[in-house]
């Protein structure tokens, strides 16, 4: 079964954590490389996952 896109999923349980300045910079850089002025939901989700694994 195909996974639902982020905007159609239920909100995750628990409290969310704000992005760190490094994660925000990574999301903004990714958005600019893809022709967007500002990061979108997918860029922010990508950056939050990268920060947990220390891959930024």
PDB file of N, CA and C in Angstrom:
ATOM      1  N   UNK A   1       0.839  -1.192   0.000  1.00  0.00           N
ATOM      2  CA  UNK A   1       0.000   0.000   0.000  1.00  0.00           C
ATOM      3  C   UNK A   1       0.875   1.244   0.000  1.00  0.00           C
ATOM      4  N   UNK A   2       0.490   2.215  -0.778  1.00  0.00           N
ATOM      5  CA  UNK A   2       1.257   3.450  -0.891  1.00  0.00           C
ATOM      6  C   UNK A   2       1.019   4.337   0.333  1.00  0.00           C
ATOM      7  N   UNK A   3       2.088   4.972   0.798  1.00  0.00           N
ATOM      8  CA  UNK A   3       1.992   5.844   1.968  1.00  0.00           C
ATOM      9  C   UNK A   3       1.296   7.154   1.584  1.00  0.00           C
ATOM     10  N   UNK A   4       0.491   7.692   2.501  1.00  0.00           N
ATOM     11  CA  UNK A   4      -0.216   8.947   2.264  1.00  0.00           C
ATOM     12  C   UNK A   4       0.766  10.119   2.268  1.00  0.00           C
ATOM     13  N   UNK A   5       0.487  11.184   1.505  1.00  0.00           N
ATOM     14  CA  UNK A   5       1.339  12.363   1.566  1.00  0.00           C
ATOM     15  C   UNK A   5       1.206  13.039   2.942  1.00  0.00           C
ATOM     16  N   UNK A   6       2.188  13.823   3.349  1.00  0.00           N
ATOM     17  CA  UNK A   6       2.186  14.414   4.691  1.00  0.00           C
ATOM     18  C   UNK A   6       0.945  15.231   5.012  1.00  0.00           C
ATOM     19  N   UNK A   7       0.399  15.937   4.020  1.00  0.00           N
ATOM     20  CA  UNK A   7      -0.751  16.800   4.296  1.00  0.00           C
ATOM     21  C   UNK A   7      -2.045  16.022   4.457  1.00  0.00           C
ATOM     22  N   UNK A   8      -2.040  14.710   4.174  1.00  0.00           N
ATOM     23  CA  UNK A   8      -3.235  13.893   4.373  1.00  0.00           C
ATOM     24  C   UNK A   8      -3.118  12.965   5.576  1.00  0.00           C
ATOM     25  N   UNK A   9      -1.965  12.942   6.212  1.00  0.00           N
ATOM     26  CA  UNK A   9      -1.765  12.085   7.380  1.00  0.00           C
ATOM     27  C   UNK A   9      -2.350  12.731   8.632  1.00  0.00           C
ATOM     28  N   UNK A  10      -2.617  11.896   9.630  1.00  0.00           N
ATOM     29  CA  UNK A  10      -3.042  12.420  10.926  1.00  0.00           C
ATOM     30  C   UNK A  10      -1.863  13.085  11.606  1.00  0.00           C
ATOM     31  N   UNK A  11      -2.172  14.035  12.484  1.00  0.00           N
ATOM     32  CA  UNK A  11      -1.128  14.722  13.236  1.00  0.00           C
ATOM     33  C   UNK A  11      -0.466  13.712  14.179  1.00  0.00           C
ATOM     34  N   UNK A  12       0.864  13.708  14.250  1.00  0.00           N
ATOM     35  CA  UNK A  12       1.527  12.738  15.122  1.00  0.00           C
ATOM     36  C   UNK A  12       1.224  13.000  16.596  1.00  0.00           C
ATOM     37  N   UNK A  13       1.227  11.927  17.371  1.00  0.00           N
ATOM     38  CA  UNK A  13       0.981  12.056  18.800  1.00  0.00           C
ATOM     39  C   UNK A  13       2.200  12.659  19.470  1.00  0.00           C
ATOM     40  N   UNK A  14       1.993  13.365  20.543  1.00  0.00           N
ATOM     41  CA  UNK A  14       3.113  13.953  21.270  1.00  0.00           C
ATOM     42  C   UNK A  14       3.375  15.382  20.847  1.00  0.00           C
ATOM     43  N   UNK A  15       4.270  16.006  21.592  1.00  0.00           N
ATOM     44  CA  UNK A  15       4.588  17.399  21.345  1.00  0.00           C
ATOM     45  C   UNK A  15       5.689  17.506  20.289  1.00  0.00           C
ATOM     46  N   UNK A  16       5.532  18.437  19.362  1.00  0.00           N
ATOM     47  CA  UNK A  16       6.551  18.639  18.347  1.00  0.00           C
ATOM     48  C   UNK A  16       7.663  19.535  18.892  1.00  0.00           C
ATOM     49  N   UNK A  17       8.842  19.386  18.321  1.00  0.00           N
ATOM     50  CA  UNK A  17       9.979  20.200  18.714  1.00  0.00           C
ATOM     51  C   UNK A  17      10.293  21.198  17.611  1.00  0.00           C
ATOM     52  N   UNK A  18      10.671  22.422  17.971  1.00  0.00           N
ATOM     53  CA  UNK A  18      11.019  23.388  16.927  1.00  0.00           C
ATOM     54  C   UNK A  18      12.327  23.004  16.245  1.00  0.00           C
ATOM     55  N   UNK A  19      12.489  23.451  15.010  1.00  0.00           N
ATOM     56  CA  UNK A  19      13.730  23.189  14.286  1.00  0.00           C
ATOM     57  C   UNK A  19      14.863  24.033  14.879  1.00  0.00           C
ATOM     58  N   UNK A  20      16.053  23.458  14.877  1.00  0.00           N
ATOM     59  CA  UNK A  20      17.229  24.201  15.330  1.00  0.00           C
ATOM     60  C   UNK A  20      17.626  25.165  14.223  1.00  0.00           C
ATOM     61  N   UNK A  21      18.451  26.160  14.528  1.00  0.00           N
ATOM     62  CA  UNK A  21      18.913  27.072  13.464  1.00  0.00           C
ATOM     63  C   UNK A  21      19.615  26.332  12.313  1.00  0.00           C
ATOM     64  N   UNK A  22      20.351  25.273  12.623  1.00  0.00           N
ATOM     65  CA  UNK A  22      21.024  24.497  11.576  1.00  0.00           C
ATOM     66  C   UNK A  22      20.004  23.790  10.688  1.00  0.00           C
ATOM     67  N   UNK A  23      18.949  23.255  11.299  1.00  0.00           N
ATOM     68  CA  UNK A  23      17.906  22.573  10.534  1.00  0.00           C
ATOM     69  C   UNK A  23      17.148  23.566   9.658  1.00  0.00           C
ATOM     70  N   UNK A  24      16.885  24.761  10.188  1.00  0.00           N
ATOM     71  CA  UNK A  24      16.206  25.789   9.400  1.00  0.00           C
ATOM     72  C   UNK A  24      17.041  26.186   8.192  1.00  0.00           C
ATOM     73  N   UNK A  25      18.351  26.334   8.408  1.00  0.00           N
ATOM     74  CA  UNK A  25      19.243  26.692   7.303  1.00  0.00           C
ATOM     75  C   UNK A  25      19.270  25.591   6.247  1.00  0.00           C
ATOM     76  N   UNK A  26      19.289  24.340   6.678  1.00  0.00           N
ATOM     77  CA  UNK A  26      19.300  23.220   5.737  1.00  0.00           C
ATOM     78  C   UNK A  26      18.000  23.181   4.936  1.00  0.00           C
ATOM     79  N   UNK A  27      16.860  23.422   5.586  1.00  0.00           N
ATOM     80  CA  UNK A  27      15.572  23.421   4.886  1.00  0.00           C
ATOM     81  C   UNK A  27      15.510  24.565   3.882  1.00  0.00           C
ATOM     82  N   UNK A  28      16.003  25.733   4.277  1.00  0.00           N
ATOM     83  CA  UNK A  28      16.000  26.886   3.370  1.00  0.00           C
ATOM     84  C   UNK A  28      16.920  26.628   2.175  1.00  0.00           C
ATOM     85  N   UNK A  29      18.081  26.042   2.403  1.00  0.00           N
ATOM     86  CA  UNK A  29      19.009  25.726   1.325  1.00  0.00           C
ATOM     87  C   UNK A  29      18.380  24.733   0.350  1.00  0.00           C
ATOM     88  N   UNK A  30      17.721  23.722   0.886  1.00  0.00           N
ATOM     89  CA  UNK A  30      17.056  22.721   0.035  1.00  0.00           C
ATOM     90  C   UNK A  30      15.968  23.382  -0.812  1.00  0.00           C
ATOM     91  N   UNK A  31      15.203  24.292  -0.204  1.00  0.00           N
ATOM     92  CA  UNK A  31      14.145  24.980  -0.943  1.00  0.00           C
ATOM     93  C   UNK A  31      14.739  25.829  -2.068  1.00  0.00           C
ATOM     94  N   UNK A  32      15.795  26.557  -1.776  1.00  0.00           N
ATOM     95  CA  UNK A  32      16.415  27.404  -2.798  1.00  0.00           C
ATOM     96  C   UNK A  32      16.986  26.572  -3.946  1.00  0.00           C
ATOM     97  N   UNK A  33      17.579  25.425  -3.632  1.00  0.00           N
ATOM     98  CA  UNK A  33      18.124  24.553  -4.679  1.00  0.00           C
ATOM     99  C   UNK A  33      17.027  24.014  -5.585  1.00  0.00           C
ATOM    100  N   UNK A  34      15.800  23.962  -5.065  1.00  0.00           N
ATOM    101  CA  UNK A  34      14.667  23.459  -5.845  1.00  0.00           C
ATOM    102  C   UNK A  34      13.781  24.577  -6.390  1.00  0.00           C
ATOM    103  N   UNK A  35      14.276  25.816  -6.359  1.00  0.00           N
ATOM    104  CA  UNK A  35      13.563  26.927  -6.981  1.00  0.00           C
ATOM    105  C   UNK A  35      12.443  27.531  -6.156  1.00  0.00           C
ATOM    106  N   UNK A  36      12.449  27.312  -4.857  1.00  0.00           N
ATOM    107  CA  UNK A  36      11.423  27.907  -3.992  1.00  0.00           C
ATOM    108  C   UNK A  36      12.066  28.959  -3.098  1.00  0.00           C
ATOM    109  N   UNK A  37      11.342  30.034  -2.816  1.00  0.00           N
ATOM    110  CA  UNK A  37      11.883  31.100  -1.976  1.00  0.00           C
ATOM    111  C   UNK A  37      11.905  30.710  -0.503  1.00  0.00           C
ATOM    112  N   UNK A  38      10.934  29.907  -0.104  1.00  0.00           N
ATOM    113  CA  UNK A  38      10.813  29.523   1.299  1.00  0.00           C
ATOM    114  C   UNK A  38      10.649  28.014   1.406  1.00  0.00           C
ATOM    115  N   UNK A  39      11.097  27.423   2.519  1.00  0.00           N
ATOM    116  CA  UNK A  39      10.910  25.980   2.704  1.00  0.00           C
ATOM    117  C   UNK A  39       9.434  25.640   2.910  1.00  0.00           C
ATOM    118  N   UNK A  40       9.025  24.502   2.389  1.00  0.00           N
ATOM    119  CA  UNK A  40       7.654  24.038   2.583  1.00  0.00           C
ATOM    120  C   UNK A  40       7.638  22.918   3.629  1.00  0.00           C
ATOM    121  N   UNK A  41       6.504  22.323   3.822  1.00  0.00           N
ATOM    122  CA  UNK A  41       6.342  21.259   4.818  1.00  0.00           C
ATOM    123  C   UNK A  41       7.321  20.118   4.578  1.00  0.00           C
ATOM    124  N   UNK A  42       7.474  19.715   3.338  1.00  0.00           N
ATOM    125  CA  UNK A  42       8.348  18.585   3.019  1.00  0.00           C
ATOM    126  C   UNK A  42       9.804  18.932   3.329  1.00  0.00           C
ATOM    127  N   UNK A  43      10.240  20.158   3.024  1.00  0.00           N
ATOM    128  CA  UNK A  43      11.608  20.578   3.346  1.00  0.00           C
ATOM    129  C   UNK A  43      11.830  20.557   4.856  1.00  0.00           C
ATOM    130  N   UNK A  44      10.861  21.044   5.604  1.00  0.00           N
ATOM    131  CA  UNK A  44      10.991  21.054   7.062  1.00  0.00           C
ATOM    132  C   UNK A  44      10.998  19.643   7.645  1.00  0.00           C
ATOM    133  N   UNK A  45      10.180  18.755   7.088  1.00  0.00           N
ATOM    134  CA  UNK A  45      10.177  17.373   7.566  1.00  0.00           C
ATOM    135  C   UNK A  45      11.519  16.708   7.268  1.00  0.00           C
ATOM    136  N   UNK A  46      12.059  16.963   6.082  1.00  0.00           N
ATOM    137  CA  UNK A  46      13.361  16.412   5.710  1.00  0.00           C
ATOM    138  C   UNK A  46      14.444  16.907   6.669  1.00  0.00           C
ATOM    139  N   UNK A  47      14.441  18.208   6.962  1.00  0.00           N
ATOM    140  CA  UNK A  47      15.457  18.785   7.838  1.00  0.00           C
ATOM    141  C   UNK A  47      15.347  18.236   9.256  1.00  0.00           C
ATOM    142  N   UNK A  48      14.138  18.025   9.732  1.00  0.00           N
ATOM    143  CA  UNK A  48      13.987  17.504  11.098  1.00  0.00           C
ATOM    144  C   UNK A  48      14.521  16.076  11.192  1.00  0.00           C
ATOM    145  N   UNK A  49      14.348  15.293  10.145  1.00  0.00           N
ATOM    146  CA  UNK A  49      14.899  13.923  10.141  1.00  0.00           C
ATOM    147  C   UNK A  49      16.412  13.930  10.035  1.00  0.00           C
ATOM    148  N   UNK A  50      16.960  14.847   9.256  1.00  0.00           N
ATOM    149  CA  UNK A  50      18.407  14.918   9.113  1.00  0.00           C
ATOM    150  C   UNK A  50      19.081  15.293  10.428  1.00  0.00           C
ATOM    151  N   UNK A  51      18.445  16.159  11.195  1.00  0.00           N
ATOM    152  CA  UNK A  51      19.016  16.600  12.462  1.00  0.00           C
ATOM    153  C   UNK A  51      19.083  15.494  13.489  1.00  0.00           C
ATOM    154  N   UNK A  52      18.097  14.585  13.482  1.00  0.00           N
ATOM    155  CA  UNK A  52      18.095  13.501  14.454  1.00  0.00           C
ATOM    156  C   UNK A  52      19.246  12.539  14.211  1.00  0.00           C
ATOM    157  N   UNK A  53      19.597  12.361  12.942  1.00  0.00           N
ATOM    158  CA  UNK A  53      20.672  11.435  12.606  1.00  0.00           C
ATOM    159  C   UNK A  53      22.024  12.143  12.531  1.00  0.00           C
ATOM    160  N   UNK A  54      22.029  13.466  12.693  1.00  0.00           N
ATOM    161  CA  UNK A  54      23.262  14.223  12.629  1.00  0.00           C
ATOM    162  C   UNK A  54      23.867  14.271  11.238  1.00  0.00           C
ATOM    163  N   UNK A  55      23.009  14.324  10.208  1.00  0.00           N
ATOM    164  CA  UNK A  55      23.493  14.280   8.837  1.00  0.00           C
ATOM    165  C   UNK A  55      23.558  15.641   8.164  1.00  0.00           C
ATOM    166  N   UNK A  56      23.275  16.715   8.880  1.00  0.00           N
ATOM    167  CA  UNK A  56      23.265  18.041   8.239  1.00  0.00           C
ATOM    168  C   UNK A  56      24.676  18.467   7.908  1.00  0.00           C
TER     169      UNK A  56
END
